[in-house]
N, C-alpha and C. Protein backbone atom coordinates (compact mmCIF):
# COMPACT_ATOMS: atom_id res chain seq x y z
N MET A 1 29.40 11.44 16.64
CA MET A 1 28.12 10.95 16.88
C MET A 1 27.17 10.50 15.90
N ALA A 2 26.30 10.08 16.47
CA ALA A 2 25.57 9.41 15.64
C ALA A 2 24.54 9.91 14.54
N GLU A 3 24.49 9.29 13.30
CA GLU A 3 23.68 9.76 12.24
C GLU A 3 21.59 9.77 13.36
N GLU A 4 21.78 10.94 13.39
CA GLU A 4 20.04 11.12 13.16
C GLU A 4 19.26 10.69 11.58
N LYS A 5 18.05 9.44 11.88
CA LYS A 5 17.19 9.21 10.90
C LYS A 5 16.30 10.34 10.90
N SER A 6 16.20 9.92 9.26
CA SER A 6 15.10 10.94 9.08
C SER A 6 13.49 10.52 9.13
N LYS A 7 12.76 11.60 8.81
CA LYS A 7 11.43 11.44 9.39
C LYS A 7 10.86 9.95 8.73
N ALA A 8 9.81 9.05 9.39
CA ALA A 8 9.42 7.97 8.76
C ALA A 8 8.56 8.67 7.56
N LEU A 9 8.51 7.17 6.74
CA LEU A 9 7.68 7.59 5.24
C LEU A 9 6.11 6.26 5.56
N LEU A 10 5.39 6.92 5.21
CA LEU A 10 3.70 5.81 4.87
C LEU A 10 4.46 5.88 3.40
N PHE A 11 4.53 4.74 3.24
CA PHE A 11 4.78 4.21 1.21
C PHE A 11 3.52 3.85 0.83
N LEU A 12 2.99 3.79 -0.24
CA LEU A 12 1.64 3.56 -0.31
C LEU A 12 2.16 3.10 -1.84
N ILE A 13 1.75 1.73 -2.11
CA ILE A 13 1.83 0.58 -3.10
C ILE A 13 0.55 0.61 -4.16
N SER A 14 0.38 1.02 -4.82
CA SER A 14 -0.98 0.61 -5.71
C SER A 14 -0.65 0.22 -7.27
N ALA A 15 -1.69 -0.71 -8.07
CA ALA A 15 -1.57 -1.41 -8.67
C ALA A 15 -2.93 -1.96 -9.28
N PRO A 16 -3.23 -1.88 -10.67
CA PRO A 16 -4.29 -2.49 -11.57
C PRO A 16 -4.42 -3.68 -11.07
N SER A 17 -5.32 -4.64 -10.89
CA SER A 17 -4.93 -6.10 -10.76
C SER A 17 -4.23 -6.28 -11.68
N GLY A 18 -2.87 -7.82 -11.48
CA GLY A 18 -2.53 -8.65 -11.96
C GLY A 18 -1.16 -7.56 -12.46
N GLY A 19 -1.32 -6.28 -11.75
CA GLY A 19 0.53 -5.53 -11.82
C GLY A 19 1.46 -5.49 -11.19
N GLY A 20 1.18 -6.98 -10.17
CA GLY A 20 2.51 -6.92 -9.38
C GLY A 20 2.96 -6.38 -8.47
N LYS A 21 2.01 -5.60 -7.65
CA LYS A 21 2.23 -5.04 -6.73
C LYS A 21 2.74 -5.74 -5.25
N THR A 22 1.99 -6.66 -5.17
CA THR A 22 2.12 -7.53 -3.92
C THR A 22 3.38 -8.10 -4.03
N THR A 23 4.18 -8.68 -5.32
CA THR A 23 5.45 -9.11 -5.33
C THR A 23 6.34 -8.28 -5.06
N LEU A 24 5.88 -7.06 -5.34
CA LEU A 24 6.86 -5.99 -4.83
C LEU A 24 7.17 -5.45 -3.64
N CYS A 25 5.61 -5.97 -3.20
CA CYS A 25 6.18 -5.22 -1.40
C CYS A 25 6.44 -6.61 -0.71
N GLU A 26 6.46 -7.49 -1.13
CA GLU A 26 7.48 -8.86 -0.97
C GLU A 26 9.21 -8.39 -0.63
N GLN A 27 9.41 -8.07 -1.82
CA GLN A 27 10.56 -7.53 -2.38
C GLN A 27 11.22 -6.46 -1.47
N LEU A 28 10.00 -5.56 -1.52
CA LEU A 28 10.52 -4.27 -0.41
C LEU A 28 10.54 -4.79 0.72
N LEU A 29 10.01 -5.14 1.69
CA LEU A 29 10.27 -5.46 2.87
C LEU A 29 11.01 -6.41 2.94
N ALA A 30 11.43 -7.20 2.22
CA ALA A 30 12.83 -7.73 2.77
C ALA A 30 14.20 -7.44 2.37
N SER A 31 14.03 -6.21 1.69
CA SER A 31 15.02 -5.33 0.89
C SER A 31 15.34 -4.23 2.21
N ARG A 32 14.36 -3.93 2.68
CA ARG A 32 14.67 -2.85 3.54
C ARG A 32 13.84 -3.53 5.39
N PRO A 33 14.87 -3.78 6.19
CA PRO A 33 14.35 -4.34 7.27
C PRO A 33 13.78 -3.29 8.26
N ASP A 34 14.10 -2.00 7.79
CA ASP A 34 13.53 -1.14 8.27
C ASP A 34 12.20 -0.46 8.34
N MET A 35 11.57 -1.26 7.54
CA MET A 35 10.44 -0.74 6.79
C MET A 35 9.20 -1.99 7.18
N THR A 36 8.44 -1.23 7.48
CA THR A 36 7.19 -2.46 7.94
C THR A 36 5.55 -2.66 7.45
N ARG A 37 4.95 -3.49 7.22
CA ARG A 37 3.75 -3.58 6.38
C ARG A 37 2.66 -3.45 7.60
N ALA A 38 1.95 -2.28 7.10
CA ALA A 38 0.40 -2.07 8.13
C ALA A 38 -0.04 -3.34 8.60
N VAL A 39 -0.80 -3.61 9.59
CA VAL A 39 -1.35 -4.42 9.86
C VAL A 39 -3.08 -4.37 9.69
N THR A 40 -3.64 -4.67 9.04
CA THR A 40 -5.14 -4.71 8.65
C THR A 40 -5.85 -5.13 9.49
N CYS A 41 -7.47 -4.86 9.67
CA CYS A 41 -8.24 -5.53 10.40
C CYS A 41 -9.26 -6.41 9.65
N THR A 42 -9.51 -7.54 9.80
CA THR A 42 -10.69 -7.81 9.27
C THR A 42 -11.65 -8.84 10.19
N THR A 43 -12.57 -8.89 9.08
CA THR A 43 -14.07 -9.78 10.21
C THR A 43 -13.56 -11.49 9.51
N ARG A 44 -13.24 -11.59 8.94
CA ARG A 44 -13.22 -13.35 8.26
C ARG A 44 -12.33 -14.01 9.08
N GLU A 45 -12.10 -14.94 9.18
CA GLU A 45 -11.66 -15.84 10.39
C GLU A 45 -10.29 -16.23 9.91
N PRO A 46 -9.71 -16.42 10.80
CA PRO A 46 -8.11 -16.77 10.51
C PRO A 46 -8.15 -17.80 9.93
N ARG A 47 -7.08 -17.82 8.86
CA ARG A 47 -6.95 -19.17 8.44
C ARG A 47 -5.43 -19.95 8.80
N ASN A 48 -5.35 -20.94 8.54
CA ASN A 48 -4.41 -21.97 9.24
C ASN A 48 -2.48 -21.07 9.09
N GLY A 49 -2.19 -20.69 10.37
CA GLY A 49 -1.05 -20.59 10.82
C GLY A 49 -1.11 -19.46 10.66
N GLU A 50 -2.13 -18.40 10.67
CA GLU A 50 -2.33 -16.78 10.78
C GLU A 50 -2.25 -16.22 12.39
N LYS A 51 -1.83 -14.90 12.75
CA LYS A 51 -1.77 -14.75 14.04
C LYS A 51 -2.26 -13.42 14.16
N ASP A 52 -3.46 -13.33 15.33
CA ASP A 52 -4.15 -11.78 15.43
C ASP A 52 -2.81 -10.85 15.99
N GLY A 53 -2.92 -9.83 14.96
CA GLY A 53 -1.60 -9.25 15.11
C GLY A 53 -0.38 -9.06 14.46
N VAL A 54 -0.36 -9.94 13.83
CA VAL A 54 0.75 -10.13 12.70
C VAL A 54 0.25 -9.87 11.13
N ASP A 55 -0.34 -10.89 11.14
CA ASP A 55 -0.83 -11.15 9.48
C ASP A 55 -2.45 -10.47 10.05
N TYR A 56 -3.32 -10.28 10.87
CA TYR A 56 -4.28 -9.19 10.57
C TYR A 56 -4.34 -9.29 12.24
N TYR A 57 -5.54 -8.28 12.57
CA TYR A 57 -6.27 -7.55 13.35
C TYR A 57 -8.05 -8.51 13.18
N PHE A 58 -7.96 -9.46 13.69
CA PHE A 58 -8.79 -10.58 13.35
C PHE A 58 -10.55 -9.62 14.49
N LEU A 59 -11.05 -9.15 14.03
CA LEU A 59 -12.23 -8.46 14.74
C LEU A 59 -13.72 -9.37 14.58
N ASP A 60 -14.49 -9.06 15.38
CA ASP A 60 -15.95 -9.73 15.26
C ASP A 60 -16.62 -8.76 14.81
N ALA A 61 -18.02 -8.77 13.81
CA ALA A 61 -18.28 -7.83 12.99
C ALA A 61 -18.43 -6.58 13.64
N THR A 62 -19.29 -6.64 15.05
CA THR A 62 -19.64 -6.06 16.26
C THR A 62 -18.78 -4.87 16.22
N SER A 63 -17.33 -5.46 16.49
CA SER A 63 -16.35 -4.31 16.93
C SER A 63 -15.68 -3.86 15.66
N PHE A 64 -16.08 -4.71 14.28
CA PHE A 64 -15.33 -3.79 13.50
C PHE A 64 -16.59 -2.94 13.29
N LEU A 65 -17.78 -2.56 13.09
CA LEU A 65 -18.69 -1.62 12.79
C LEU A 65 -18.50 -0.58 14.12
N LYS A 66 -18.38 -0.60 15.61
CA LYS A 66 -18.11 0.07 16.18
C LYS A 66 -16.59 1.15 16.03
N ARG A 67 -15.48 0.51 15.40
CA ARG A 67 -14.45 1.55 15.12
C ARG A 67 -14.86 1.91 13.75
N LEU A 68 -15.96 1.78 13.00
CA LEU A 68 -16.26 2.16 11.71
C LEU A 68 -16.69 3.18 11.96
N GLN A 69 -18.21 3.18 12.87
CA GLN A 69 -18.71 4.29 13.10
C GLN A 69 -17.85 5.23 14.07
N ALA A 70 -16.82 5.02 14.97
CA ALA A 70 -16.07 5.53 15.51
C ALA A 70 -15.17 6.61 14.72
N GLY A 71 -15.14 6.46 13.39
CA GLY A 71 -14.26 7.14 12.34
C GLY A 71 -12.43 6.27 12.37
N ASN A 72 -12.67 5.31 12.90
CA ASN A 72 -11.11 4.93 13.31
C ASN A 72 -10.49 4.38 12.38
N PHE A 73 -11.41 4.09 10.97
CA PHE A 73 -10.59 3.57 9.68
C PHE A 73 -10.05 4.48 8.70
N ILE A 74 -8.94 4.47 7.83
CA ILE A 74 -8.45 5.58 7.46
C ILE A 74 -8.85 5.45 5.65
N GLU A 75 -9.39 3.68 6.11
CA GLU A 75 -10.11 2.99 4.52
C GLU A 75 -10.55 2.21 4.95
N HIS A 76 -11.73 1.60 4.51
CA HIS A 76 -12.04 0.43 5.03
C HIS A 76 -13.20 -0.54 3.06
N ALA A 77 -13.15 -1.48 3.59
CA ALA A 77 -13.53 -2.22 2.16
C ALA A 77 -14.54 -3.47 2.26
N THR A 78 -15.50 -4.10 1.72
CA THR A 78 -16.02 -5.38 2.09
C THR A 78 -15.85 -5.87 1.02
N VAL A 79 -14.92 -7.36 1.10
CA VAL A 79 -14.66 -7.63 -0.17
C VAL A 79 -15.09 -9.47 -0.12
N TYR A 80 -16.25 -9.87 -0.78
CA TYR A 80 -16.78 -11.25 -0.46
C TYR A 80 -17.27 -11.84 0.85
N GLY A 81 -18.31 -10.45 1.10
CA GLY A 81 -18.97 -10.47 2.58
C GLY A 81 -18.02 -10.57 3.93
N ASN A 82 -16.83 -9.95 3.64
CA ASN A 82 -16.07 -9.79 4.61
C ASN A 82 -15.63 -8.47 4.58
N SER A 83 -15.20 -7.60 5.88
CA SER A 83 -14.67 -6.37 5.97
C SER A 83 -13.43 -6.61 6.17
N TYR A 84 -12.76 -5.46 5.79
CA TYR A 84 -11.30 -5.25 5.97
C TYR A 84 -11.11 -3.31 6.41
N GLY A 85 -10.16 -3.43 7.09
CA GLY A 85 -9.95 -1.72 7.04
C GLY A 85 -8.55 -1.42 7.91
N VAL A 86 -7.72 -0.05 7.32
CA VAL A 86 -6.89 0.00 8.24
C VAL A 86 -6.65 1.10 9.10
N LEU A 87 -6.39 0.82 10.38
CA LEU A 87 -6.70 2.07 11.48
C LEU A 87 -5.67 2.91 11.47
N LYS A 88 -6.31 4.32 11.44
CA LYS A 88 -5.48 5.58 11.85
C LYS A 88 -4.30 5.24 12.54
N SER A 89 -5.06 4.65 13.56
CA SER A 89 -3.80 4.89 14.64
C SER A 89 -2.40 3.59 14.86
N GLU A 90 -3.29 2.75 13.76
CA GLU A 90 -1.77 1.61 13.42
C GLU A 90 -0.64 2.19 12.54
N LEU A 91 -1.26 3.38 11.72
CA LEU A 91 -0.36 3.63 10.73
C LEU A 91 0.46 4.70 11.83
N LEU A 92 0.04 5.45 12.34
CA LEU A 92 0.38 6.56 13.26
C LEU A 92 1.50 5.76 14.64
N GLY A 93 0.88 5.16 15.17
CA GLY A 93 1.68 4.41 16.23
C GLY A 93 3.07 4.39 15.38
N LYS A 94 2.97 3.52 13.80
CA LYS A 94 4.16 2.83 13.65
C LYS A 94 5.24 4.40 13.01
N LEU A 95 4.60 5.51 12.61
CA LEU A 95 5.39 6.50 11.98
C LEU A 95 5.55 6.69 13.24
N ARG A 96 5.04 7.14 14.40
CA ARG A 96 6.21 7.84 15.28
C ARG A 96 6.63 6.89 16.43
N GLN A 97 6.83 5.68 16.08
CA GLN A 97 8.45 5.01 16.65
C GLN A 97 9.41 4.81 15.77
N GLY A 98 9.23 5.92 14.35
CA GLY A 98 10.27 6.06 13.61
C GLY A 98 10.48 4.79 12.40
N LYS A 99 9.31 4.20 12.33
CA LYS A 99 9.17 2.90 11.52
C LYS A 99 8.49 3.94 10.10
N ASP A 100 9.20 3.09 8.81
CA ASP A 100 8.79 3.13 7.65
C ASP A 100 7.54 2.37 7.47
N VAL A 101 6.33 2.83 7.09
CA VAL A 101 5.04 1.71 6.96
C VAL A 101 4.87 1.87 5.27
N LEU A 102 4.72 0.65 4.84
CA LEU A 102 4.10 -0.07 3.79
C LEU A 102 2.47 -0.10 3.84
N LEU A 103 2.22 0.59 2.33
CA LEU A 103 0.83 0.09 2.69
C LEU A 103 0.55 -0.74 1.08
N ASN A 104 -0.06 -1.80 1.30
CA ASN A 104 -0.37 -2.22 -0.31
C ASN A 104 -1.77 -2.40 -0.30
N VAL A 105 -2.40 -1.12 -1.62
CA VAL A 105 -3.81 -1.15 -1.38
C VAL A 105 -4.13 -1.05 -3.11
N ASP A 106 -6.19 -1.11 -2.99
CA ASP A 106 -5.64 -0.96 -4.74
C ASP A 106 -6.26 0.46 -4.97
N VAL A 107 -6.37 0.67 -6.15
CA VAL A 107 -6.35 2.11 -6.55
C VAL A 107 -7.65 2.94 -5.95
N GLN A 108 -8.93 2.23 -5.71
CA GLN A 108 -9.63 3.24 -5.10
C GLN A 108 -9.75 3.09 -3.29
N GLY A 109 -8.66 2.41 -2.68
CA GLY A 109 -8.42 2.42 -1.45
C GLY A 109 -7.62 3.61 -1.20
N ALA A 110 -6.65 3.54 -2.15
CA ALA A 110 -5.37 4.57 -2.49
C ALA A 110 -5.99 5.95 -2.46
N ALA A 111 -7.15 6.06 -2.99
CA ALA A 111 -7.76 7.69 -3.60
C ALA A 111 -8.15 7.96 -2.27
N THR A 112 -8.58 7.05 -1.50
CA THR A 112 -9.17 7.06 -0.12
C THR A 112 -8.37 7.84 0.97
N ILE A 113 -7.55 7.02 0.59
CA ILE A 113 -6.69 7.24 2.12
C ILE A 113 -5.50 8.47 1.61
N LYS A 114 -5.23 9.15 0.30
CA LYS A 114 -4.42 10.50 -0.09
C LYS A 114 -5.67 11.55 0.77
N GLU A 115 -7.21 11.04 0.47
CA GLU A 115 -8.10 12.20 0.53
C GLU A 115 -7.81 12.16 2.31
N ARG A 116 -8.27 10.94 3.09
CA ARG A 116 -7.55 11.01 4.60
C ARG A 116 -6.74 11.83 4.80
N ALA A 117 -5.38 11.71 4.26
CA ALA A 117 -4.40 11.74 4.79
C ALA A 117 -4.50 13.15 4.77
N GLN A 118 -4.68 13.96 3.90
CA GLN A 118 -4.80 15.51 3.90
C GLN A 118 -5.71 16.10 5.40
N GLU A 119 -6.22 15.49 5.92
CA GLU A 119 -6.92 15.74 7.67
C GLU A 119 -6.30 16.10 8.60
N ASP A 120 -4.85 14.90 8.47
CA ASP A 120 -3.61 14.63 9.60
C ASP A 120 -2.57 15.39 9.01
N PRO A 121 -1.90 16.27 9.58
CA PRO A 121 -0.79 17.04 9.23
C PRO A 121 0.53 15.90 9.17
N GLU A 122 0.73 15.03 10.17
CA GLU A 122 1.28 13.72 10.49
C GLU A 122 1.37 12.82 9.27
N LEU A 123 -0.14 12.38 8.76
CA LEU A 123 -0.06 11.15 7.79
C LEU A 123 0.25 12.47 6.65
N ARG A 124 0.19 13.55 6.29
CA ARG A 124 0.00 14.21 5.02
C ARG A 124 1.73 14.45 4.80
N GLU A 125 2.48 14.67 5.56
CA GLU A 125 3.62 15.06 5.37
C GLU A 125 4.62 13.72 4.89
N SER A 126 4.10 12.72 5.63
CA SER A 126 4.95 11.33 5.50
C SER A 126 4.36 10.21 4.44
N LEU A 127 3.02 10.64 3.69
CA LEU A 127 2.87 9.79 2.61
C LEU A 127 3.36 10.27 1.37
N VAL A 128 3.75 8.63 0.90
CA VAL A 128 4.37 8.72 -0.26
C VAL A 128 3.70 7.75 -1.19
N SER A 129 3.26 7.85 -2.49
CA SER A 129 2.27 6.71 -3.42
C SER A 129 3.18 6.74 -4.74
N VAL A 130 3.08 5.28 -4.50
CA VAL A 130 3.53 4.94 -6.14
C VAL A 130 2.46 3.83 -7.11
N PHE A 131 2.52 4.59 -8.62
CA PHE A 131 1.24 3.50 -8.80
C PHE A 131 2.42 2.85 -9.79
N LEU A 132 2.10 1.65 -10.04
CA LEU A 132 3.14 0.36 -10.58
C LEU A 132 1.76 -0.19 -11.66
N THR A 133 2.77 -0.39 -13.29
CA THR A 133 1.77 -0.48 -13.81
C THR A 133 2.57 -1.27 -14.97
N PRO A 134 1.99 -1.97 -15.42
CA PRO A 134 3.03 -2.48 -17.01
C PRO A 134 2.44 -1.42 -17.95
N GLN A 135 3.10 -1.53 -19.02
CA GLN A 135 3.37 -0.64 -20.32
C GLN A 135 1.82 -0.29 -20.88
N SER A 136 1.22 -1.22 -20.90
CA SER A 136 -0.22 -1.28 -21.84
C SER A 136 -1.41 -2.08 -20.96
N LEU A 137 -2.30 -1.99 -21.64
CA LEU A 137 -3.49 -2.87 -21.08
C LEU A 137 -3.11 -4.50 -21.66
N THR A 138 -2.47 -4.56 -22.69
CA THR A 138 -2.42 -5.29 -23.99
C THR A 138 -1.25 -6.52 -23.09
N ILE A 139 -0.37 -5.99 -22.21
CA ILE A 139 0.77 -6.35 -21.37
C ILE A 139 0.03 -6.79 -19.99
N LEU A 140 -0.74 -6.36 -19.46
CA LEU A 140 -1.51 -6.64 -18.67
C LEU A 140 -2.24 -7.90 -18.89
N GLU A 141 -3.29 -7.68 -19.62
CA GLU A 141 -3.95 -8.86 -20.39
C GLU A 141 -3.06 -10.20 -20.47
N GLN A 142 -1.77 -10.21 -20.87
CA GLN A 142 -0.56 -11.56 -21.37
C GLN A 142 -0.44 -12.01 -19.82
N ARG A 143 -0.18 -10.72 -18.91
CA ARG A 143 0.57 -11.19 -17.89
C ARG A 143 -0.77 -12.01 -16.84
N LEU A 144 -2.05 -11.82 -17.04
CA LEU A 144 -3.55 -12.22 -16.52
C LEU A 144 -3.58 -13.55 -17.03
N ASN A 145 -3.36 -14.34 -17.94
CA ASN A 145 -3.56 -15.03 -19.20
C ASN A 145 -2.77 -15.77 -18.65
N LYS A 146 -1.24 -15.55 -18.20
CA LYS A 146 -0.02 -16.39 -17.93
C LYS A 146 -0.16 -17.05 -16.84
N ARG A 147 -1.14 -16.19 -15.76
CA ARG A 147 -1.44 -16.68 -14.17
C ARG A 147 -2.34 -17.70 -14.33
N GLY A 148 -3.51 -17.84 -15.32
CA GLY A 148 -4.43 -18.95 -15.56
C GLY A 148 -5.26 -19.18 -14.38
N ALA A 149 -5.73 -18.22 -13.66
CA ALA A 149 -6.05 -18.43 -12.65
C ALA A 149 -7.63 -18.22 -12.93
N ASP A 150 -8.15 -17.14 -14.39
CA ASP A 150 -9.12 -16.85 -13.77
C ASP A 150 -10.26 -17.44 -15.41
N SER A 151 -11.56 -17.64 -15.64
CA SER A 151 -12.26 -18.22 -16.76
C SER A 151 -12.02 -16.70 -17.28
N PRO A 152 -12.88 -16.97 -18.76
CA PRO A 152 -12.86 -15.63 -19.36
C PRO A 152 -13.74 -14.82 -19.41
N ALA A 153 -14.65 -14.80 -18.80
CA ALA A 153 -15.67 -13.79 -18.13
C ALA A 153 -14.87 -13.00 -16.83
N VAL A 154 -14.52 -13.89 -16.21
CA VAL A 154 -13.38 -13.04 -15.00
C VAL A 154 -12.46 -12.30 -15.38
N MET A 155 -11.89 -12.56 -16.66
CA MET A 155 -10.56 -11.99 -17.04
C MET A 155 -11.21 -10.39 -17.74
N GLN A 156 -12.19 -10.80 -18.23
CA GLN A 156 -12.59 -9.17 -18.65
C GLN A 156 -13.17 -8.63 -17.71
N LYS A 157 -13.83 -8.74 -16.49
CA LYS A 157 -14.01 -7.86 -15.78
C LYS A 157 -13.09 -7.18 -15.43
N ARG A 158 -12.14 -8.03 -14.77
CA ARG A 158 -10.67 -7.72 -14.43
C ARG A 158 -9.80 -6.66 -15.44
N LEU A 159 -10.37 -7.13 -16.50
CA LEU A 159 -9.24 -5.65 -17.45
C LEU A 159 -10.44 -4.43 -18.19
N SER A 160 -12.09 -4.48 -17.72
CA SER A 160 -12.91 -3.74 -17.27
C SER A 160 -11.95 -2.70 -16.49
N VAL A 161 -12.06 -3.37 -15.31
CA VAL A 161 -11.52 -2.79 -14.17
C VAL A 161 -10.22 -1.74 -14.28
N ALA A 162 -9.32 -2.80 -14.58
CA ALA A 162 -7.73 -2.27 -14.56
C ALA A 162 -8.25 -1.15 -15.96
N ARG A 163 -8.64 -1.04 -17.02
CA ARG A 163 -8.57 0.18 -17.88
C ARG A 163 -9.23 1.38 -16.92
N GLN A 164 -10.11 1.45 -15.70
CA GLN A 164 -10.75 2.50 -15.36
C GLN A 164 -9.66 2.79 -14.12
N GLU A 165 -8.81 1.58 -13.62
CA GLU A 165 -7.81 2.00 -12.63
C GLU A 165 -6.19 2.70 -13.13
N LEU A 166 -6.47 2.07 -14.57
CA LEU A 166 -5.15 3.18 -15.24
C LEU A 166 -5.03 4.29 -15.71
N ALA A 167 -6.65 4.61 -15.76
CA ALA A 167 -6.81 6.23 -15.25
C ALA A 167 -5.97 6.96 -14.81
N GLN A 168 -6.45 6.57 -13.45
CA GLN A 168 -6.17 7.18 -12.16
C GLN A 168 -4.81 7.27 -12.00
N TRP A 169 -3.84 6.85 -12.51
CA TRP A 169 -2.36 7.07 -12.41
C TRP A 169 -1.76 8.54 -11.95
N LYS A 170 -2.24 9.50 -12.32
CA LYS A 170 -1.86 11.11 -12.38
C LYS A 170 -2.13 11.46 -10.68
N ILE A 171 -3.26 10.65 -9.95
CA ILE A 171 -3.40 11.20 -8.68
C ILE A 171 -1.79 10.60 -7.74
N PHE A 172 -1.03 9.82 -8.03
CA PHE A 172 -0.22 9.73 -7.38
C PHE A 172 1.33 9.98 -7.53
N ASP A 173 1.97 10.13 -6.64
CA ASP A 173 3.12 11.02 -7.01
C ASP A 173 4.57 10.36 -7.66
N TYR A 174 4.20 9.44 -8.03
CA TYR A 174 5.38 8.40 -9.03
C TYR A 174 4.57 7.23 -9.23
N LEU A 175 4.95 7.20 -10.68
CA LEU A 175 4.45 6.15 -11.56
C LEU A 175 5.94 5.17 -11.97
N VAL A 176 5.93 3.84 -11.55
CA VAL A 176 6.78 3.10 -12.11
C VAL A 176 6.32 1.89 -13.16
N ILE A 177 6.92 1.86 -14.26
CA ILE A 177 6.62 1.01 -15.40
C ILE A 177 7.20 -0.27 -15.30
N SER A 178 5.96 -1.01 -15.34
CA SER A 178 6.61 -2.62 -14.85
C SER A 178 7.16 -3.35 -15.72
N THR A 179 8.66 -3.47 -15.50
CA THR A 179 9.14 -4.60 -16.66
C THR A 179 9.49 -5.70 -16.01
N THR A 180 10.93 -5.97 -14.72
CA THR A 180 10.94 -7.48 -14.30
C THR A 180 10.82 -6.73 -12.88
N ILE A 181 11.29 -7.78 -12.09
CA ILE A 181 10.71 -7.95 -10.54
C ILE A 181 11.70 -7.16 -9.91
N ALA A 182 13.14 -7.26 -10.24
CA ALA A 182 14.40 -6.71 -10.19
C ALA A 182 14.34 -5.46 -10.28
N GLU A 183 14.30 -5.00 -11.62
CA GLU A 183 14.00 -3.44 -11.97
C GLU A 183 12.96 -3.01 -11.31
N ASP A 184 11.65 -3.56 -11.08
CA ASP A 184 10.55 -3.01 -11.10
C ASP A 184 11.25 -2.62 -8.49
N LEU A 185 11.97 -3.14 -8.41
CA LEU A 185 12.23 -3.19 -6.93
C LEU A 185 13.12 -2.16 -7.12
N ARG A 186 14.41 -2.19 -8.01
CA ARG A 186 15.31 -0.63 -7.90
C ARG A 186 14.74 0.34 -8.37
N ARG A 187 13.93 0.29 -8.82
CA ARG A 187 13.33 1.85 -9.13
C ARG A 187 12.44 2.04 -8.03
N THR A 188 11.55 1.22 -7.47
CA THR A 188 11.24 1.66 -6.08
C THR A 188 11.72 1.86 -5.03
N MET A 189 13.18 1.29 -4.63
CA MET A 189 13.95 1.78 -3.73
C MET A 189 14.61 3.25 -3.67
N ALA A 190 14.89 3.18 -5.19
CA ALA A 190 15.08 4.49 -5.69
C ALA A 190 14.24 5.42 -5.04
N ILE A 191 12.82 5.86 -5.31
CA ILE A 191 12.00 6.43 -4.53
C ILE A 191 12.19 6.40 -3.09
N VAL A 192 12.06 5.35 -2.55
CA VAL A 192 12.11 5.49 -0.90
C VAL A 192 13.73 5.98 -0.75
N GLU A 193 14.53 6.16 -1.18
CA GLU A 193 15.98 6.77 -0.94
C GLU A 193 15.62 8.09 -0.94
N ALA A 194 15.24 8.60 -2.07
CA ALA A 194 14.94 9.88 -2.56
C ALA A 194 14.25 10.72 -1.57
N GLU A 195 13.10 10.07 -1.27
CA GLU A 195 12.08 10.81 -0.63
C GLU A 195 12.75 10.88 1.06
N LYS A 196 13.10 9.56 1.50
CA LYS A 196 14.32 9.82 2.48
C LYS A 196 15.20 11.15 3.22
N MET A 197 15.76 11.52 1.78
CA MET A 197 16.53 12.59 1.82
C MET A 197 16.11 13.91 1.42
N ARG A 198 14.50 13.99 1.67
CA ARG A 198 13.78 15.66 1.28
C ARG A 198 14.44 16.13 2.52
N VAL A 199 14.53 17.60 2.37
CA VAL A 199 14.90 18.31 3.38
C VAL A 199 13.70 18.50 4.37
N THR A 200 12.58 18.42 4.10
CA THR A 200 11.27 18.53 5.39
C THR A 200 11.51 16.80 5.93
N ARG A 201 12.19 16.07 5.58
CA ARG A 201 12.08 14.79 5.84
C ARG A 201 13.33 14.81 6.80
N SER A 202 14.47 15.80 6.56
CA SER A 202 15.92 15.47 7.57
C SER A 202 16.34 16.52 8.74
N HIS A 203 16.51 16.01 9.21
CA HIS A 203 17.30 16.81 10.42
C HIS A 203 18.45 17.92 9.90
N ALA A 204 19.10 18.80 10.43
CA ALA A 204 19.66 19.95 10.18
C ALA A 204 20.96 19.51 9.95
N PRO A 205 22.14 19.82 9.39
CA PRO A 205 22.95 19.25 9.46
C PRO A 205 23.71 20.01 10.63
N THR A 206 24.71 19.35 10.98
CA THR A 206 25.84 20.21 12.14
C THR A 206 27.33 20.57 11.73
N PHE A 207 27.49 21.58 11.85
CA PHE A 207 28.88 22.35 11.45
C PHE A 207 29.53 22.72 12.52
């Protein structure tokens, strides 16, 4: 008899800027072919090689606004003049196909998604949230310095935002203290496996 699959997860990973969530998400997707990322809508122009429906759903400003006014987005934001949003239908469509869905969002976006998910039984039951962070703000500052991508002024702004984000760790289901890429992945994979075995997501055994 074929083994029945457990219910799909909506797996949300968040971290302060420089916390390593993008790398972790890439590693997680590579390690779990049964997991797919949520494709985000955006009003920005496609970059070279990007494909609509694969990298993003590329919308004009009018189309984006109509979806926003209709309440189609579970979370949205404007960054550098471009709008971004995650469609509720995108998440539910993949979950109903039995696919685990990965969301890579900032702390503010995570709080919004958790709040909105409470309004929908399917999203509420499937949502698992993880906060990834270095042990301290000092270590985070060292990581940002190592990247060398920001001016001192931008660095201080990032750290100020990060301090506020770090204070939100208790709103998440799990806390992963970042050490190495391999260890971060191992711990996150353990969370995925444990959540897949929850009785609320499992089918009854046959005797």
